[in-house]
Amino acid sequence: MRCFCCDGDSSDPQQPKSGDPDPPKPSGPDPKEPKKAKNIVPDIPPPRRVVAFTAKLNTAHSTPYHSGVLKLVDVVVNEGDAYSPDTGIFTCPLGGLYHFTVHMSVNGRAQCAIFKNGESLASVYHTSLPDKCSQVASVSSVVQLSEGDTVWVNLWGHGRHEIIATEDNDTVFVGFYLGNRSVSSHPQSSVMAYDSSSTHGRPVAFTAKLNVDDSYPKHSGVLKFATVLANEGGGYSADTGIFTCPLDGLYHFMVHVTVYGRGQCAIFKNGEVVVSLYHTNLPDKLSYNSSQVASISSVIKLSKNDEVWINLWGRGRNDIFATEDNDTIFTGFYLR
């Protein structure tokens, strides 16, 4: 009888024979091996482009007789090279929102305005007659610019402008880029989008002017600036005169009031005084048409829905006014 237990290979048919190749391994990563971390590059936005300048009036150019562009040729800083001391004109290199200010030293009478593409944005008329003492008047504005737009300080009126500069008394033109409205926020960055003045890709900034018909108000409380030049972010209401914060952070606010007599106002936050001013022209000077400008500003930390406005205080008429070429202005913008 044939013995099957001794016939042929008695090894286990489930085990590979000696010398046979190893069975193929399953495709894909070995679950026992630790996973390697992927080389992820964070989506960090490029550095914010800086456009900013400060230029001063040269002492040799004091008391100009001409109208038109006032050239401020002594450049302190000119990041982005957009300001030309040869022409006195800023040419926008990057579309977006900008803030401009002019501080002029006056020894008599001075008339100037911030111009954009030949049109007046914000103007000032200041006199220190009859004493002709040296004083400083300021005006500022937020403005939306497109690439190639031009901005400058423009002299208006006839005769000599008693705008001066000395070694220790400057007339200054300042401008800087706030941001644009086309960028989205990046959570990995400490700033919002490509600039520090945006919420969901939109800057928060406004400038509003007092209407001529609202001059010499007799009430106390909110002063409404009904003519809106810029209102990016929609925080300012011309109907109420109140800025309602759309985004937590630090903001800068400034008010320039044109006064012919007595002016009293303050920057309020949620019903409380932040900073205030009281400015008077003495009665014997009013016969000299001594319109003057007083300014005050503050950085304020705000939470969403906080409210900021210009508040009139004191009894009787406030001699704060506006004309077609003499502005009272409220402006503010988000810092970060």
Protein backbone atom coordinates (compact mmCIF):
# COMPACT_ATOMS: atom_id res chain seq x y z
CA MET A 1 0.00 0.00 0.00
CA ARG A 2 1.23 3.38 -0.87
CA CYS A 3 1.98 5.69 2.10
CA PHE A 4 0.81 9.15 1.37
CA CYS A 5 2.55 10.58 4.45
CA CYS A 6 5.92 9.70 2.97
CA ASP A 7 5.14 10.47 -0.66
CA GLY A 8 6.44 13.81 -1.91
CA ASP A 9 7.00 16.99 0.17
CA SER A 10 5.67 16.68 3.67
CA SER A 11 6.00 20.43 4.48
CA ASP A 12 2.98 22.64 5.31
CA PRO A 13 1.42 23.74 2.02
CA GLN A 14 0.49 27.13 3.63
CA GLN A 15 4.14 28.05 4.31
CA PRO A 16 6.43 29.24 1.53
CA LYS A 17 9.02 26.80 0.39
CA SER A 18 12.65 27.41 1.06
CA GLY A 19 14.12 29.57 -1.66
CA ASP A 20 10.74 30.93 -2.84
CA PRO A 21 10.47 34.75 -3.19
CA ASP A 22 8.64 36.71 -0.47
CA PRO A 23 4.95 37.38 -1.20
CA PRO A 24 4.23 40.92 -2.48
CA LYS A 25 3.45 43.55 0.16
CA PRO A 26 0.16 45.46 -0.03
CA SER A 27 0.39 48.85 -1.77
CA GLY A 28 0.16 52.14 0.20
CA PRO A 29 1.91 53.41 3.34
CA ASP A 30 2.71 51.07 6.17
CA PRO A 31 0.21 51.80 8.95
CA LYS A 32 2.88 50.94 11.52
CA GLU A 33 5.23 53.70 10.28
CA PRO A 34 4.78 57.20 11.80
CA LYS A 35 3.29 59.80 9.45
CA LYS A 36 5.69 62.43 8.18
CA ALA A 37 4.62 66.07 8.64
CA LYS A 38 3.89 67.86 5.41
CA ASN A 39 5.95 70.92 4.58
CA ILE A 40 3.13 73.49 4.70
CA VAL A 41 3.95 77.09 3.81
CA PRO A 42 1.57 79.48 5.65
CA ASP A 43 -0.47 81.84 3.52
CA ILE A 44 1.19 85.03 4.77
CA PRO A 45 0.42 88.17 2.78
CA PRO A 46 3.22 90.22 1.26
CA PRO A 47 4.49 93.23 3.22
CA ARG A 48 2.25 96.26 3.17
CA ARG A 49 3.38 98.92 0.73
CA VAL A 50 4.27 102.19 2.44
CA VAL A 51 3.38 105.53 0.87
CA ALA A 52 3.97 108.51 3.18
CA PHE A 53 5.58 111.93 3.06
CA THR A 54 6.23 115.10 5.06
CA ALA A 55 7.42 118.30 3.42
CA LYS A 56 8.09 121.74 4.92
CA LEU A 57 7.94 125.24 3.49
CA ASN A 58 11.39 126.68 2.92
CA THR A 59 12.08 129.94 4.78
CA ALA A 60 12.93 131.59 1.44
CA HIS A 61 9.38 130.87 0.23
CA SER A 62 7.57 132.60 3.10
CA THR A 63 4.75 135.11 2.44
CA PRO A 64 4.05 134.04 -1.17
CA TYR A 65 2.26 136.48 -3.50
CA HIS A 66 1.01 133.94 -6.02
CA SER A 67 -2.11 131.80 -6.12
CA GLY A 68 -2.03 128.11 -7.06
CA VAL A 69 0.31 125.37 -5.88
CA LEU A 70 2.31 126.04 -2.73
CA LYS A 71 5.64 124.25 -3.10
CA LEU A 72 6.96 122.76 0.12
CA VAL A 73 10.49 121.86 -0.92
CA ASP A 74 12.16 120.72 2.31
CA VAL A 75 11.33 117.01 2.34
CA VAL A 76 11.55 115.25 5.70
CA VAL A 77 10.39 111.83 4.48
CA ASN A 78 9.11 110.59 1.11
CA GLU A 79 8.45 106.84 1.26
CA GLY A 80 7.23 105.71 -2.14
CA ASP A 81 8.66 108.84 -3.84
CA ALA A 82 5.17 110.10 -4.67
CA TYR A 83 5.70 113.70 -3.54
CA SER A 84 7.67 116.04 -5.80
CA PRO A 85 9.39 119.02 -4.15
CA ASP A 86 9.97 120.45 -7.63
CA THR A 87 6.24 120.78 -8.30
CA GLY A 88 4.76 120.60 -4.79
CA ILE A 89 2.40 117.87 -6.03
CA PHE A 90 1.71 114.37 -4.70
CA THR A 91 0.97 111.86 -7.49
CA CYS A 92 -0.84 108.74 -6.30
CA PRO A 93 1.20 105.56 -7.01
CA LEU A 94 -1.33 103.12 -5.54
CA GLY A 95 -5.11 103.37 -5.55
CA GLY A 96 -6.80 103.53 -2.15
CA LEU A 97 -7.57 105.79 0.78
CA TYR A 98 -5.14 108.50 1.89
CA HIS A 99 -5.05 111.06 4.68
CA PHE A 100 -3.62 114.55 4.09
CA THR A 101 -2.98 117.40 6.54
CA VAL A 102 -1.58 120.89 6.18
CA HIS A 103 -0.36 122.93 9.16
CA MET A 104 0.37 126.53 8.23
CA SER A 105 2.04 129.19 10.35
CA VAL A 106 0.23 132.49 9.84
CA ASN A 107 1.41 136.01 10.60
CA GLY A 108 -1.54 138.04 9.35
CA ARG A 109 -3.86 136.46 6.76
CA ALA A 110 -3.65 133.13 4.96
CA GLN A 111 -5.95 131.23 2.61
CA CYS A 112 -5.27 127.74 1.33
CA ALA A 113 -6.95 124.42 0.55
CA ILE A 114 -6.12 120.77 -0.05
CA PHE A 115 -6.80 120.15 -3.74
CA LYS A 116 -7.42 116.89 -5.59
CA ASN A 117 -7.16 116.99 -9.39
CA GLY A 118 -7.91 120.73 -9.37
CA GLU A 119 -10.91 120.58 -7.00
CA SER A 120 -10.99 121.79 -3.40
CA LEU A 121 -11.43 119.12 -0.73
CA ALA A 122 -10.91 121.10 2.47
CA SER A 123 -10.07 124.78 2.79
CA VAL A 124 -8.98 127.16 5.51
CA TYR A 125 -9.02 130.94 5.99
CA HIS A 126 -7.16 132.20 9.06
CA THR A 127 -6.27 135.70 10.23
CA SER A 128 -4.34 136.99 13.22
CA LEU A 129 -5.20 140.65 12.62
CA PRO A 130 -4.84 143.29 13.93
CA ASP A 131 -1.88 142.13 16.04
CA LYS A 132 -0.28 140.02 13.29
CA CYS A 133 0.91 137.58 15.91
CA SER A 134 2.16 134.20 14.72
CA GLN A 135 -0.49 131.47 14.89
CA VAL A 136 -0.99 127.99 13.43
CA ALA A 137 -4.03 126.80 11.46
CA SER A 138 -4.61 123.23 10.28
CA VAL A 139 -6.95 121.31 8.02
CA SER A 140 -7.07 117.65 6.98
CA SER A 141 -9.08 115.17 4.94
CA VAL A 142 -9.40 111.51 4.06
CA VAL A 143 -9.66 111.07 0.29
CA GLN A 144 -10.12 108.15 -2.10
CA LEU A 145 -7.48 108.21 -4.85
CA SER A 146 -6.85 106.27 -8.02
CA GLU A 147 -3.39 105.74 -9.46
CA GLY A 148 -2.25 108.95 -11.13
CA ASP A 149 -4.52 111.30 -9.14
CA THR A 150 -2.78 114.43 -7.86
CA VAL A 151 -3.06 116.25 -4.52
CA TRP A 152 -1.47 119.54 -3.43
CA VAL A 153 -1.82 122.59 -1.18
CA ASN A 154 -3.44 125.39 -3.16
CA LEU A 155 -3.28 129.11 -2.36
CA TRP A 156 -6.41 131.09 -3.18
CA GLY A 157 -7.43 134.75 -2.98
CA HIS A 158 -5.59 137.90 -4.00
CA GLY A 159 -2.49 139.62 -2.66
CA ARG A 160 0.15 138.36 -0.30
CA HIS A 161 -0.40 135.21 1.73
CA GLU A 162 1.17 135.64 5.13
CA ILE A 163 2.10 131.99 5.47
CA ILE A 164 5.56 131.81 6.97
CA ALA A 165 8.39 129.47 7.88
CA THR A 166 11.34 130.16 10.15
CA GLU A 167 14.03 128.00 11.73
CA ASP A 168 11.67 127.23 14.62
CA ASN A 169 8.22 127.77 13.09
CA ASP A 170 7.18 125.40 10.31
CA THR A 171 4.49 125.17 7.67
CA VAL A 172 4.02 121.46 6.89
CA PHE A 173 2.23 119.23 4.35
CA VAL A 174 1.75 115.57 5.37
CA GLY A 175 0.14 112.61 3.61
CA PHE A 176 0.02 108.84 4.00
CA TYR A 177 -1.69 105.74 2.63
CA LEU A 178 -4.45 104.19 4.76
CA GLY A 179 -5.43 101.16 2.68
CA ASN A 180 -7.61 99.94 -0.15
CA ARG A 181 -10.94 98.21 -0.51
CA SER A 182 -9.97 95.13 -2.54
CA VAL A 183 -8.09 92.91 -0.10
CA SER A 184 -9.33 90.06 2.12
CA SER A 185 -8.21 89.34 5.67
CA HIS A 186 -5.51 86.79 6.48
CA PRO A 187 -5.81 85.09 9.90
CA GLN A 188 -2.09 84.21 9.94
CA SER A 189 -1.10 87.89 9.77
CA SER A 190 -1.06 90.42 12.60
CA VAL A 191 -2.56 92.96 10.23
CA MET A 192 -5.74 92.76 8.24
CA ALA A 193 -4.96 91.93 4.63
CA TYR A 194 -2.18 94.00 3.06
CA ASP A 195 -2.84 97.00 5.28
CA SER A 196 -3.62 97.78 8.89
CA SER A 197 -6.74 99.80 8.23
CA SER A 198 -9.19 97.26 6.88
CA THR A 199 -12.10 95.14 8.05
CA HIS A 200 -12.90 92.21 5.76
CA GLY A 201 -10.81 93.93 3.10
CA ARG A 202 -12.36 97.39 3.55
CA PRO A 203 -10.66 100.35 5.23
CA VAL A 204 -12.51 102.25 7.96
CA ALA A 205 -12.10 105.99 7.41
CA PHE A 206 -14.28 109.06 6.96
CA THR A 207 -14.26 112.82 6.47
CA ALA A 208 -17.36 114.99 6.83
CA LYS A 209 -17.84 118.77 6.58
CA LEU A 210 -20.25 121.16 8.26
CA ASN A 211 -22.96 122.46 5.93
CA VAL A 212 -23.07 126.22 5.45
CA ASP A 213 -26.71 126.20 6.63
CA ASP A 214 -25.67 124.59 9.92
CA SER A 215 -23.29 127.43 10.86
CA TYR A 216 -23.52 129.22 14.23
CA PRO A 217 -25.47 126.47 16.03
CA LYS A 218 -27.41 127.50 19.14
CA HIS A 219 -27.91 124.01 20.56
CA SER A 220 -25.70 121.86 22.73
CA GLY A 221 -25.06 118.20 21.96
CA VAL A 222 -24.12 116.48 18.70
CA LEU A 223 -22.80 118.67 15.87
CA LYS A 224 -23.87 117.09 12.58
CA PHE A 225 -21.42 117.18 9.68
CA ALA A 226 -23.79 116.51 6.79
CA THR A 227 -21.48 116.82 3.77
CA VAL A 228 -19.60 113.52 3.53
CA LEU A 229 -16.38 113.40 1.49
CA ALA A 230 -15.42 109.82 2.35
CA ASN A 231 -17.04 107.09 4.45
CA GLU A 232 -15.27 103.78 3.84
CA GLY A 233 -16.63 101.09 6.13
CA GLY A 234 -19.90 102.99 6.57
CA GLY A 235 -19.19 103.90 10.19
CA TYR A 236 -20.20 107.57 10.01
CA SER A 237 -23.84 108.69 9.75
CA ALA A 238 -24.53 112.08 8.20
CA ASP A 239 -28.09 111.89 9.57
CA THR A 240 -27.00 111.64 13.20
CA GLY A 241 -23.44 113.03 13.09
CA ILE A 242 -22.27 109.93 14.96
CA PHE A 243 -19.54 107.43 14.09
CA THR A 244 -20.45 103.88 15.16
CA CYS A 245 -17.43 101.58 15.45
CA PRO A 246 -17.64 98.57 13.06
CA LEU A 247 -14.41 96.91 14.24
CA ASP A 248 -12.56 96.69 17.57
CA GLY A 249 -9.27 98.58 17.62
CA LEU A 250 -7.48 101.90 17.81
CA TYR A 251 -8.83 104.89 15.90
CA HIS A 252 -7.63 108.44 15.29
CA PHE A 253 -10.15 111.31 15.30
CA MET A 254 -9.64 115.01 14.55
CA VAL A 255 -11.87 118.07 14.32
CA HIS A 256 -11.02 121.41 12.71
CA VAL A 257 -13.47 124.18 13.63
CA THR A 258 -13.57 127.58 11.95
CA VAL A 259 -14.46 130.18 14.58
CA TYR A 260 -15.66 133.77 14.29
CA GLY A 261 -16.18 134.74 17.92
CA ARG A 262 -16.42 131.84 20.39
CA GLY A 263 -16.30 128.11 19.72
CA GLN A 264 -16.65 125.29 22.27
CA CYS A 265 -16.69 121.62 21.38
CA ALA A 266 -15.27 118.23 22.32
CA ILE A 267 -14.70 114.76 20.94
CA PHE A 268 -17.09 112.44 22.80
CA LYS A 269 -17.01 108.66 23.20
CA ASN A 270 -20.21 107.02 24.42
CA GLY A 271 -21.36 110.26 26.05
CA GLU A 272 -18.07 111.04 27.80
CA VAL A 273 -15.53 113.75 26.97
CA VAL A 274 -12.27 112.50 25.46
CA VAL A 275 -10.68 115.86 24.53
CA SER A 276 -12.20 119.35 24.32
CA LEU A 277 -11.37 122.85 23.06
CA TYR A 278 -12.43 126.42 23.74
CA HIS A 279 -11.40 129.07 21.21
CA THR A 280 -12.27 132.77 21.07
CA ASN A 281 -11.58 135.79 18.90
CA LEU A 282 -11.71 138.89 21.06
CA PRO A 283 -14.57 141.31 20.21
CA ASP A 284 -12.24 144.12 19.16
CA LYS A 285 -10.71 141.82 16.54
CA LEU A 286 -13.93 140.79 14.85
CA SER A 287 -14.04 144.04 12.90
CA TYR A 288 -10.90 142.79 11.14
CA ASN A 289 -12.77 139.70 9.90
CA SER A 290 -10.51 137.56 12.07
CA SER A 291 -11.77 134.13 11.15
CA GLN A 292 -9.60 131.53 12.85
CA VAL A 293 -9.23 127.75 12.90
CA ALA A 294 -8.88 125.60 16.03
CA SER A 295 -8.06 121.89 15.95
CA ILE A 296 -7.94 119.00 18.37
CA SER A 297 -7.41 115.25 17.96
CA SER A 298 -7.10 112.01 19.87
CA VAL A 299 -6.37 108.32 19.48
CA ILE A 300 -9.24 106.31 21.02
CA LYS A 301 -9.53 102.59 21.72
CA LEU A 302 -12.96 101.39 20.59
CA SER A 303 -15.03 98.23 20.75
CA LYS A 304 -17.61 97.34 18.14
CA ASN A 305 -20.70 99.61 18.35
CA ASP A 306 -18.97 102.26 20.48
CA GLU A 307 -19.98 105.76 19.36
CA VAL A 308 -17.88 108.87 18.73
CA TRP A 309 -19.09 112.36 17.81
CA ILE A 310 -18.35 116.08 18.08
CA ASN A 311 -20.27 117.58 20.98
CA LEU A 312 -21.10 121.27 21.43
CA TRP A 313 -21.04 122.57 24.97
CA GLY A 314 -21.72 125.86 26.73
CA ARG A 315 -24.72 128.16 26.64
CA GLY A 316 -25.89 130.35 23.80
CA ARG A 317 -24.65 130.49 20.25
CA ASN A 318 -21.51 128.66 19.16
CA ASP A 319 -19.64 130.77 16.61
CA ILE A 320 -18.49 127.73 14.63
CA PHE A 321 -19.24 128.19 10.95
CA ALA A 322 -18.60 127.10 7.38
CA THR A 323 -18.62 128.88 4.02
CA GLU A 324 -17.98 127.75 0.46
CA ASP A 325 -14.25 128.28 0.94
CA ASN A 326 -13.84 127.94 4.71
CA ASP A 327 -14.48 124.50 6.18
CA THR A 328 -15.23 122.94 9.55
CA ILE A 329 -14.27 119.25 9.37
CA PHE A 330 -14.58 116.00 11.33
CA THR A 331 -12.34 113.12 10.29
CA GLY A 332 -11.39 109.70 11.64
CA PHE A 333 -9.74 106.45 10.63
CA TYR A 334 -8.82 103.00 11.92
CA LEU A 335 -5.21 102.45 12.97
CA ARG A 336 -5.15 98.76 14.03
